[in-house]
C-alpha atoms as a PDB file:
ATOM      1  CA  MET A   1     -75.279 127.423 -39.008  1.00  0.00           C
ATOM      2  CA  ILE A   2     -75.543 125.189 -42.078  1.00  0.00           C
ATOM      3  CA  ILE A   3     -72.230 124.977 -43.956  1.00  0.00           C
ATOM      4  CA  LEU A   4     -72.578 124.604 -47.720  1.00  0.00           C
ATOM      5  CA  LYS A   5     -69.856 122.599 -49.447  1.00  0.00           C
ATOM      6  CA  SER A   6     -68.183 123.432 -52.733  1.00  0.00           C
ATOM      7  CA  HIS A   7     -67.957 120.906 -55.562  1.00  0.00           C
ATOM      8  CA  ARG A   8     -64.318 120.291 -54.615  1.00  0.00           C
ATOM      9  CA  GLU A   9     -65.237 119.665 -50.980  1.00  0.00           C
ATOM     10  CA  ILE A  10     -68.010 117.281 -51.984  1.00  0.00           C
ATOM     11  CA  GLU A  11     -65.498 115.351 -54.080  1.00  0.00           C
ATOM     12  CA  LYS A  12     -63.320 115.015 -50.976  1.00  0.00           C
ATOM     13  CA  MET A  13     -66.329 113.811 -48.997  1.00  0.00           C
ATOM     14  CA  LYS A  14     -67.048 111.301 -51.748  1.00  0.00           C
ATOM     15  CA  THR A  15     -63.602 109.834 -51.159  1.00  0.00           C
ATOM     16  CA  SER A  16     -64.071 109.500 -47.400  1.00  0.00           C
ATOM     17  CA  SER A  17     -67.613 108.191 -47.790  1.00  0.00           C
ATOM     18  CA  ARG A  18     -66.632 105.572 -50.362  1.00  0.00           C
ATOM     19  CA  ILE A  19     -63.964 104.277 -48.000  1.00  0.00           C
ATOM     20  CA  VAL A  20     -66.690 103.866 -45.380  1.00  0.00           C
ATOM     21  CA  ALA A  21     -68.857 102.028 -47.908  1.00  0.00           C
ATOM     22  CA  GLU A  22     -66.014  99.694 -48.896  1.00  0.00           C
ATOM     23  CA  ILE A  23     -65.231  98.775 -45.294  1.00  0.00           C
ATOM     24  CA  LEU A  24     -68.896  98.255 -44.425  1.00  0.00           C
ATOM     25  CA  GLU A  25     -69.291  95.978 -47.438  1.00  0.00           C
ATOM     26  CA  SER A  26     -66.345  93.896 -46.238  1.00  0.00           C
ATOM     27  CA  LEU A  27     -67.803  93.805 -42.733  1.00  0.00           C
ATOM     28  CA  ARG A  28     -71.115  92.502 -44.100  1.00  0.00           C
ATOM     29  CA  LEU A  29     -69.311  89.388 -45.341  1.00  0.00           C
ATOM     30  CA  LEU A  30     -67.769  88.791 -41.912  1.00  0.00           C
ATOM     31  CA  VAL A  31     -71.088  88.857 -40.054  1.00  0.00           C
ATOM     32  CA  VAL A  32     -71.654  85.145 -39.481  1.00  0.00           C
ATOM     33  CA  PRO A  33     -72.558  83.063 -36.423  1.00  0.00           C
ATOM     34  CA  GLY A  34     -69.612  82.873 -34.034  1.00  0.00           C
ATOM     35  CA  VAL A  35     -67.971  86.170 -34.920  1.00  0.00           C
ATOM     36  CA  THR A  36     -67.724  88.794 -32.198  1.00  0.00           C
ATOM     37  CA  THR A  37     -68.237  92.523 -32.516  1.00  0.00           C
ATOM     38  CA  TYR A  38     -64.769  92.845 -30.994  1.00  0.00           C
ATOM     39  CA  ASP A  39     -63.449  91.036 -34.095  1.00  0.00           C
ATOM     40  CA  LEU A  40     -65.451  93.301 -36.401  1.00  0.00           C
ATOM     41  CA  ASN A  41     -64.177  96.401 -34.628  1.00  0.00           C
ATOM     42  CA  ARG A  42     -60.556  95.242 -35.017  1.00  0.00           C
ATOM     43  CA  PHE A  43     -61.136  94.548 -38.703  1.00  0.00           C
ATOM     44  CA  ALA A  44     -62.649  98.004 -39.306  1.00  0.00           C
ATOM     45  CA  SER A  45     -59.722  99.668 -37.517  1.00  0.00           C
ATOM     46  CA  ALA A  46     -57.189  97.692 -39.537  1.00  0.00           C
ATOM     47  CA  GLU A  47     -58.899  98.480 -42.835  1.00  0.00           C
ATOM     48  CA  ALA A  48     -58.915 102.190 -42.021  1.00  0.00           C
ATOM     49  CA  SER A  49     -55.199 102.041 -41.180  1.00  0.00           C
ATOM     50  CA  LYS A  50     -54.455 100.333 -44.511  1.00  0.00           C
ATOM     51  CA  ARG A  51     -56.079 103.279 -46.266  1.00  0.00           C
ATOM     52  CA  ASN A  52     -54.260 105.867 -44.098  1.00  0.00           C
ATOM     53  CA  VAL A  53     -57.512 107.316 -42.755  1.00  0.00           C
ATOM     54  CA  LYS A  54     -58.691 107.858 -39.196  1.00  0.00           C
ATOM     55  CA  CYS A  55     -61.697 106.144 -37.658  1.00  0.00           C
ATOM     56  CA  ALA A  56     -64.205 108.886 -36.985  1.00  0.00           C
ATOM     57  CA  PHE A  57     -65.793 107.440 -33.851  1.00  0.00           C
ATOM     58  CA  LYS A  58     -62.694 106.334 -31.941  1.00  0.00           C
ATOM     59  CA  GLY A  59     -62.364 108.732 -29.005  1.00  0.00           C
ATOM     60  CA  TYR A  60     -65.307 110.878 -30.141  1.00  0.00           C
ATOM     61  CA  HIS A  61     -66.784 112.055 -26.832  1.00  0.00           C
ATOM     62  CA  ASN A  62     -64.615 109.229 -25.419  1.00  0.00           C
ATOM     63  CA  TYR A  63     -66.343 106.483 -27.415  1.00  0.00           C
ATOM     64  CA  PRO A  64     -63.996 103.495 -26.948  1.00  0.00           C
ATOM     65  CA  GLY A  65     -64.458 101.721 -30.300  1.00  0.00           C
ATOM     66  CA  SER A  66     -63.989 102.428 -33.986  1.00  0.00           C
ATOM     67  CA  LEU A  67     -67.246 100.742 -35.001  1.00  0.00           C
ATOM     68  CA  CYS A  68     -70.702 100.999 -33.425  1.00  0.00           C
ATOM     69  CA  CYS A  69     -72.103  97.445 -33.207  1.00  0.00           C
ATOM     70  CA  SER A  70     -75.750  97.223 -32.131  1.00  0.00           C
ATOM     71  CA  PRO A  71     -77.403  93.776 -32.160  1.00  0.00           C
ATOM     72  CA  ASN A  72     -81.113  92.995 -31.910  1.00  0.00           C
ATOM     73  CA  ASN A  73     -82.859  95.448 -29.538  1.00  0.00           C
ATOM     74  CA  GLN A  74     -79.854  97.789 -29.491  1.00  0.00           C
ATOM     75  CA  VAL A  75     -80.667 100.858 -31.579  1.00  0.00           C
ATOM     76  CA  VAL A  76     -77.346 102.700 -31.897  1.00  0.00           C
ATOM     77  CA  HIS A  77     -73.956 103.184 -30.221  1.00  0.00           C
ATOM     78  CA  GLY A  78     -73.522  99.555 -29.167  1.00  0.00           C
ATOM     79  CA  LEU A  79     -70.048  98.835 -27.792  1.00  0.00           C
ATOM     80  CA  PRO A  80     -67.880  96.121 -29.361  1.00  0.00           C
ATOM     81  CA  ASN A  81     -67.509  93.065 -27.115  1.00  0.00           C
ATOM     82  CA  LYS A  82     -66.340  89.431 -27.159  1.00  0.00           C
ATOM     83  CA  ASN A  83     -69.788  87.802 -27.066  1.00  0.00           C
ATOM     84  CA  PRO A  84     -70.221  85.598 -30.171  1.00  0.00           C
ATOM     85  CA  LEU A  85     -73.137  86.436 -32.441  1.00  0.00           C
ATOM     86  CA  VAL A  86     -75.613  83.616 -33.036  1.00  0.00           C
ATOM     87  CA  SER A  87     -77.827  82.673 -35.954  1.00  0.00           C
ATOM     88  CA  GLY A  88     -81.061  84.656 -35.776  1.00  0.00           C
ATOM     89  CA  ASP A  89     -79.441  87.863 -34.510  1.00  0.00           C
ATOM     90  CA  ILE A  90     -79.512  91.055 -36.520  1.00  0.00           C
ATOM     91  CA  LEU A  91     -76.632  93.521 -36.258  1.00  0.00           C
ATOM     92  CA  SER A  92     -76.473  97.235 -37.022  1.00  0.00           C
ATOM     93  CA  LEU A  93     -73.028  98.512 -38.000  1.00  0.00           C
ATOM     94  CA  ASP A  94     -72.318 102.247 -37.996  1.00  0.00           C
ATOM     95  CA  PHE A  95     -68.915 103.431 -39.219  1.00  0.00           C
ATOM     96  CA  GLY A  96     -67.158 106.626 -40.208  1.00  0.00           C
ATOM     97  CA  VAL A  97     -63.736 107.870 -41.254  1.00  0.00           C
ATOM     98  CA  ILE A  98     -61.874 111.136 -41.636  1.00  0.00           C
ATOM     99  CA  CYS A  99     -59.955 111.557 -44.891  1.00  0.00           C
ATOM    100  CA  ASP A 100     -58.299 114.801 -45.989  1.00  0.00           C
ATOM    101  CA  ASP A 101     -60.114 116.654 -43.168  1.00  0.00           C
ATOM    102  CA  PHE A 102     -63.613 115.509 -44.220  1.00  0.00           C
ATOM    103  CA  TYR A 103     -65.884 112.919 -42.666  1.00  0.00           C
ATOM    104  CA  GLY A 104     -67.828 110.080 -44.228  1.00  0.00           C
ATOM    105  CA  ASP A 105     -70.514 108.193 -42.293  1.00  0.00           C
ATOM    106  CA  ALA A 106     -72.825 105.283 -43.091  1.00  0.00           C
ATOM    107  CA  ALA A 107     -74.663 102.401 -41.435  1.00  0.00           C
ATOM    108  CA  VAL A 108     -76.230  99.070 -42.366  1.00  0.00           C
ATOM    109  CA  THR A 109     -78.179  96.360 -40.573  1.00  0.00           C
ATOM    110  CA  VAL A 110     -77.390  92.778 -41.529  1.00  0.00           C
ATOM    111  CA  PRO A 111     -78.783  89.358 -40.586  1.00  0.00           C
ATOM    112  CA  VAL A 112     -76.629  86.834 -38.760  1.00  0.00           C
ATOM    113  CA  GLY A 113     -77.168  83.419 -40.324  1.00  0.00           C
ATOM    114  CA  GLU A 114     -80.839  82.526 -40.718  1.00  0.00           C
ATOM    115  CA  VAL A 115     -83.167  85.140 -39.265  1.00  0.00           C
ATOM    116  CA  SER A 116     -86.933  85.284 -38.842  1.00  0.00           C
ATOM    117  CA  ASP A 117     -89.208  86.619 -41.544  1.00  0.00           C
ATOM    118  CA  SER A 118     -90.209  89.455 -39.215  1.00  0.00           C
ATOM    119  CA  ALA A 119     -86.559  90.472 -38.818  1.00  0.00           C
ATOM    120  CA  LYS A 120     -86.064  90.391 -42.597  1.00  0.00           C
ATOM    121  CA  LEU A 121     -89.107  92.615 -43.099  1.00  0.00           C
ATOM    122  CA  LEU A 122     -87.882  95.133 -40.506  1.00  0.00           C
ATOM    123  CA  ILE A 123     -84.457  95.352 -42.156  1.00  0.00           C
ATOM    124  CA  SER A 124     -85.988  95.727 -45.612  1.00  0.00           C
ATOM    125  CA  ALA A 125     -88.442  98.424 -44.518  1.00  0.00           C
ATOM    126  CA  THR A 126     -85.754 100.429 -42.758  1.00  0.00           C
ATOM    127  CA  GLU A 127     -83.488 100.386 -45.794  1.00  0.00           C
ATOM    128  CA  ALA A 128     -86.377 101.322 -48.078  1.00  0.00           C
ATOM    129  CA  SER A 129     -87.291 104.242 -45.810  1.00  0.00           C
ATOM    130  CA  LEU A 130     -83.747 105.583 -46.201  1.00  0.00           C
ATOM    131  CA  TYR A 131     -84.098 105.648 -49.987  1.00  0.00           C
ATOM    132  CA  ALA A 132     -87.535 107.246 -49.713  1.00  0.00           C
ATOM    133  CA  ALA A 133     -85.924 110.034 -47.676  1.00  0.00           C
ATOM    134  CA  ILE A 134     -82.956 110.387 -50.026  1.00  0.00           C
ATOM    135  CA  GLY A 135     -85.375 110.833 -52.916  1.00  0.00           C
ATOM    136  CA  MET A 136     -86.715 113.972 -51.225  1.00  0.00           C
ATOM    137  CA  ALA A 137     -83.268 115.586 -50.774  1.00  0.00           C
ATOM    138  CA  LEU A 138     -83.828 117.977 -53.666  1.00  0.00           C
ATOM    139  CA  PRO A 139     -82.912 121.671 -53.894  1.00  0.00           C
ATOM    140  CA  GLY A 140     -85.952 123.719 -52.917  1.00  0.00           C
ATOM    141  CA  ASN A 141     -87.554 120.981 -50.845  1.00  0.00           C
ATOM    142  CA  ARG A 142     -87.802 121.359 -47.088  1.00  0.00           C
ATOM    143  CA  LEU A 143     -86.116 119.267 -44.431  1.00  0.00           C
ATOM    144  CA  GLY A 144     -89.555 118.120 -43.338  1.00  0.00           C
ATOM    145  CA  ASP A 145     -90.019 116.491 -46.734  1.00  0.00           C
ATOM    146  CA  VAL A 146     -87.020 114.251 -45.999  1.00  0.00           C
ATOM    147  CA  SER A 147     -88.075 113.521 -42.420  1.00  0.00           C
ATOM    148  CA  SER A 148     -91.704 112.807 -43.207  1.00  0.00           C
ATOM    149  CA  ALA A 149     -90.729 110.417 -46.013  1.00  0.00           C
ATOM    150  CA  VAL A 150     -89.154 108.123 -43.405  1.00  0.00           C
ATOM    151  CA  GLN A 151     -92.033 108.414 -40.976  1.00  0.00           C
ATOM    152  CA  GLN A 152     -94.775 107.845 -43.517  1.00  0.00           C
ATOM    153  CA  PHE A 153     -93.065 104.816 -45.019  1.00  0.00           C
ATOM    154  CA  VAL A 154     -92.169 103.224 -41.688  1.00  0.00           C
ATOM    155  CA  GLU A 155     -95.453 103.817 -39.927  1.00  0.00           C
ATOM    156  CA  GLY A 156     -97.269 102.595 -43.025  1.00  0.00           C
ATOM    157  CA  LYS A 157     -95.553  99.246 -42.428  1.00  0.00           C
ATOM    158  CA  GLY A 158     -96.589  99.160 -38.759  1.00  0.00           C
ATOM    159  CA  TYR A 159     -93.206 100.105 -37.304  1.00  0.00           C
ATOM    160  CA  SER A 160     -92.107 103.191 -35.366  1.00  0.00           C
ATOM    161  CA  VAL A 161     -89.314 105.710 -35.828  1.00  0.00           C
ATOM    162  CA  VAL A 162     -86.889 106.580 -33.033  1.00  0.00           C
ATOM    163  CA  ARG A 163     -87.340 110.189 -31.952  1.00  0.00           C
ATOM    164  CA  ASP A 164     -84.528 110.631 -29.433  1.00  0.00           C
ATOM    165  CA  PHE A 165     -81.732 110.238 -31.999  1.00  0.00           C
ATOM    166  CA  VAL A 166     -81.584 111.851 -35.428  1.00  0.00           C
ATOM    167  CA  GLY A 167     -79.509 112.326 -38.563  1.00  0.00           C
ATOM    168  CA  HIS A 168     -77.280 115.341 -39.097  1.00  0.00           C
ATOM    169  CA  GLY A 169     -75.300 117.512 -41.417  1.00  0.00           C
ATOM    170  CA  ILE A 170     -71.725 116.412 -41.982  1.00  0.00           C
ATOM    171  CA  GLY A 171     -68.505 117.867 -43.375  1.00  0.00           C
ATOM    172  CA  LYS A 172     -65.320 118.861 -41.557  1.00  0.00           C
ATOM    173  CA  ASN A 173     -67.240 117.940 -38.417  1.00  0.00           C
ATOM    174  CA  LEU A 174     -68.967 114.626 -37.806  1.00  0.00           C
ATOM    175  CA  HIS A 175     -72.109 116.378 -36.598  1.00  0.00           C
ATOM    176  CA  GLU A 176     -73.145 119.661 -38.183  1.00  0.00           C
ATOM    177  CA  ASP A 177     -76.417 121.506 -38.669  1.00  0.00           C
ATOM    178  CA  PRO A 178     -79.085 120.700 -39.539  1.00  0.00           C
ATOM    179  CA  GLN A 179     -80.425 117.929 -37.352  1.00  0.00           C
ATOM    180  CA  ILE A 180     -82.475 115.503 -39.449  1.00  0.00           C
ATOM    181  CA  PRO A 181     -85.304 113.832 -37.524  1.00  0.00           C
ATOM    182  CA  ASN A 182     -86.927 110.731 -38.966  1.00  0.00           C
ATOM    183  CA  TYR A 183     -90.358 112.219 -38.373  1.00  0.00           C
ATOM    184  CA  GLY A 184     -91.946 115.519 -39.332  1.00  0.00           C
ATOM    185  CA  SER A 185     -94.302 117.368 -41.612  1.00  0.00           C
ATOM    186  CA  PRO A 186     -93.880 117.893 -45.360  1.00  0.00           C
ATOM    187  CA  GLY A 187     -93.160 121.478 -46.355  1.00  0.00           C
ATOM    188  CA  LYS A 188     -91.736 122.404 -42.947  1.00  0.00           C
ATOM    189  CA  GLY A 189     -88.188 123.154 -41.812  1.00  0.00           C
ATOM    190  CA  VAL A 190     -85.188 124.659 -43.550  1.00  0.00           C
ATOM    191  CA  LYS A 191     -85.061 124.815 -47.322  1.00  0.00           C
ATOM    192  CA  LEU A 192     -82.578 122.421 -48.905  1.00  0.00           C
ATOM    193  CA  LYS A 193     -79.826 124.097 -50.933  1.00  0.00           C
ATOM    194  CA  VAL A 194     -77.156 122.900 -53.326  1.00  0.00           C
ATOM    195  CA  GLY A 195     -74.018 122.181 -51.296  1.00  0.00           C
ATOM    196  CA  MET A 196     -75.743 120.767 -48.236  1.00  0.00           C
ATOM    197  CA  VAL A 197     -74.409 117.357 -47.207  1.00  0.00           C
ATOM    198  CA  LEU A 198     -76.654 115.252 -45.002  1.00  0.00           C
ATOM    199  CA  ALA A 199     -76.170 112.061 -43.013  1.00  0.00           C
ATOM    200  CA  ILE A 200     -79.678 110.633 -43.325  1.00  0.00           C
ATOM    201  CA  GLU A 201     -80.166 107.708 -40.942  1.00  0.00           C
ATOM    202  CA  PRO A 202     -83.503 106.073 -40.180  1.00  0.00           C
ATOM    203  CA  MET A 203     -83.561 104.166 -36.890  1.00  0.00           C
ATOM    204  CA  VAL A 204     -86.669 102.003 -36.909  1.00  0.00           C
ATOM    205  CA  ASN A 205     -88.158  99.937 -34.099  1.00  0.00           C
ATOM    206  CA  GLU A 206     -90.226  96.810 -34.493  1.00  0.00           C
ATOM    207  CA  LYS A 207     -92.587  97.962 -31.735  1.00  0.00           C
ATOM    208  CA  ALA A 208     -92.777 101.291 -29.868  1.00  0.00           C
ATOM    209  CA  HIS A 209     -90.401 104.198 -30.508  1.00  0.00           C
ATOM    210  CA  ASP A 210     -89.307 104.580 -26.867  1.00  0.00           C
ATOM    211  CA  VAL A 211     -85.614 104.028 -26.159  1.00  0.00           C
ATOM    212  CA  LYS A 212     -83.223 104.311 -23.226  1.00  0.00           C
ATOM    213  CA  VAL A 213     -79.466 104.535 -22.693  1.00  0.00           C
ATOM    214  CA  LEU A 214     -77.848 101.740 -20.680  1.00  0.00           C
ATOM    215  CA  SER A 215     -75.521 102.250 -17.709  1.00  0.00           C
ATOM    216  CA  ASP A 216     -72.452 102.206 -19.992  1.00  0.00           C
ATOM    217  CA  ASN A 217     -73.686 105.676 -21.090  1.00  0.00           C
ATOM    218  CA  TRP A 218     -73.508 104.647 -24.748  1.00  0.00           C
ATOM    219  CA  THR A 219     -75.707 101.714 -25.729  1.00  0.00           C
ATOM    220  CA  VAL A 220     -79.228 102.736 -26.753  1.00  0.00           C
ATOM    221  CA  VAL A 221     -81.893 100.015 -26.558  1.00  0.00           C
ATOM    222  CA  THR A 222     -85.623  99.738 -27.184  1.00  0.00           C
ATOM    223  CA  CYS A 223     -87.596  99.993 -23.963  1.00  0.00           C
ATOM    224  CA  ASP A 224     -89.906  97.116 -24.901  1.00  0.00           C
ATOM    225  CA  GLY A 225     -87.202  94.724 -26.081  1.00  0.00           C
ATOM    226  CA  GLY A 226     -88.329  94.809 -29.700  1.00  0.00           C
ATOM    227  CA  LEU A 227     -85.823  94.645 -32.539  1.00  0.00           C
ATOM    228  CA  SER A 228     -84.358  97.790 -34.084  1.00  0.00           C
ATOM    229  CA  ALA A 229     -82.707  98.429 -37.469  1.00  0.00           C
ATOM    230  CA  HIS A 230     -80.532 101.297 -38.707  1.00  0.00           C
ATOM    231  CA  PHE A 231     -79.406 102.426 -42.150  1.00  0.00           C
ATOM    232  CA  GLU A 232     -77.469 105.560 -43.104  1.00  0.00           C
ATOM    233  CA  HIS A 233     -75.956 107.247 -46.132  1.00  0.00           C
ATOM    234  CA  THR A 234     -73.981 110.459 -46.562  1.00  0.00           C
ATOM    235  CA  VAL A 235     -75.883 112.408 -49.231  1.00  0.00           C
ATOM    236  CA  ALA A 236     -75.051 115.627 -51.100  1.00  0.00           C
ATOM    237  CA  VAL A 237     -77.777 117.951 -52.357  1.00  0.00           C
ATOM    238  CA  THR A 238     -76.742 118.853 -55.914  1.00  0.00           C
ATOM    239  CA  GLU A 239     -78.177 120.677 -58.917  1.00  0.00           C
ATOM    240  CA  ASN A 240     -79.023 117.265 -60.353  1.00  0.00           C
ATOM    241  CA  GLY A 241     -80.709 115.977 -57.207  1.00  0.00           C
ATOM    242  CA  PRO A 242     -79.417 113.879 -54.324  1.00  0.00           C
ATOM    243  CA  GLU A 243     -76.058 112.172 -54.739  1.00  0.00           C
ATOM    244  CA  ILE A 244     -75.239 109.279 -52.423  1.00  0.00           C
ATOM    245  CA  LEU A 245     -71.582 109.701 -51.505  1.00  0.00           C
ATOM    246  CA  SER A 246     -71.300 106.579 -49.319  1.00  0.00           C
ATOM    247  CA  ARG A 247     -71.748 104.142 -52.171  1.00  0.00           C
ATOM    248  CA  ILE A 248     -69.142 101.946 -53.836  1.00  0.00           C
END
């Protein structure tokens, strides 16, 4: 069941989502050669505590961290660890909080030091595909319009979209209906209505779309070892079009 949010509830979600955006922006500045994802996870936890909000991922289905840290060929759900990042890596950071009973959720992929041109292009294309999808989150459009916007943009650049993991509705629960694939057909799927709040999150692979989960039961990696990038915003469908809530 898709839960529509009132204007007041969306304002609450804007608060939680902006906190996520602020912390992710601070994390971006800390991503330099030599830092560890363990350090980044501690920073995110501390920043959430300063703001008197709860980290959304900590303990969720027993996830051990507050921040998902996925370098290079890791797609999503990477576990924080004490291995230093090195120049040339790319790192996807996925973070969420709970504030006043409502969730906010967002993700970015950032370069570590100097990265290859191919890595820069992958990051840029993935971020651009997110905004292409957000632009289709209009009342009266179909979910397939959002999904296909990602797929068409990404595949037009020669990349592939992950199919095993998808975006989602969000509200008082981290994951709500509807599921939001990053592939699909325009004009298909549920009709978008004012009050829907969507976590739209393209996960884009440099090579093939196939992924697998490692033995830690969390970390998702590309099967072929190619790089992967991930961007996400929490977006409300409003009378005036899509509103990005997870923006400073």
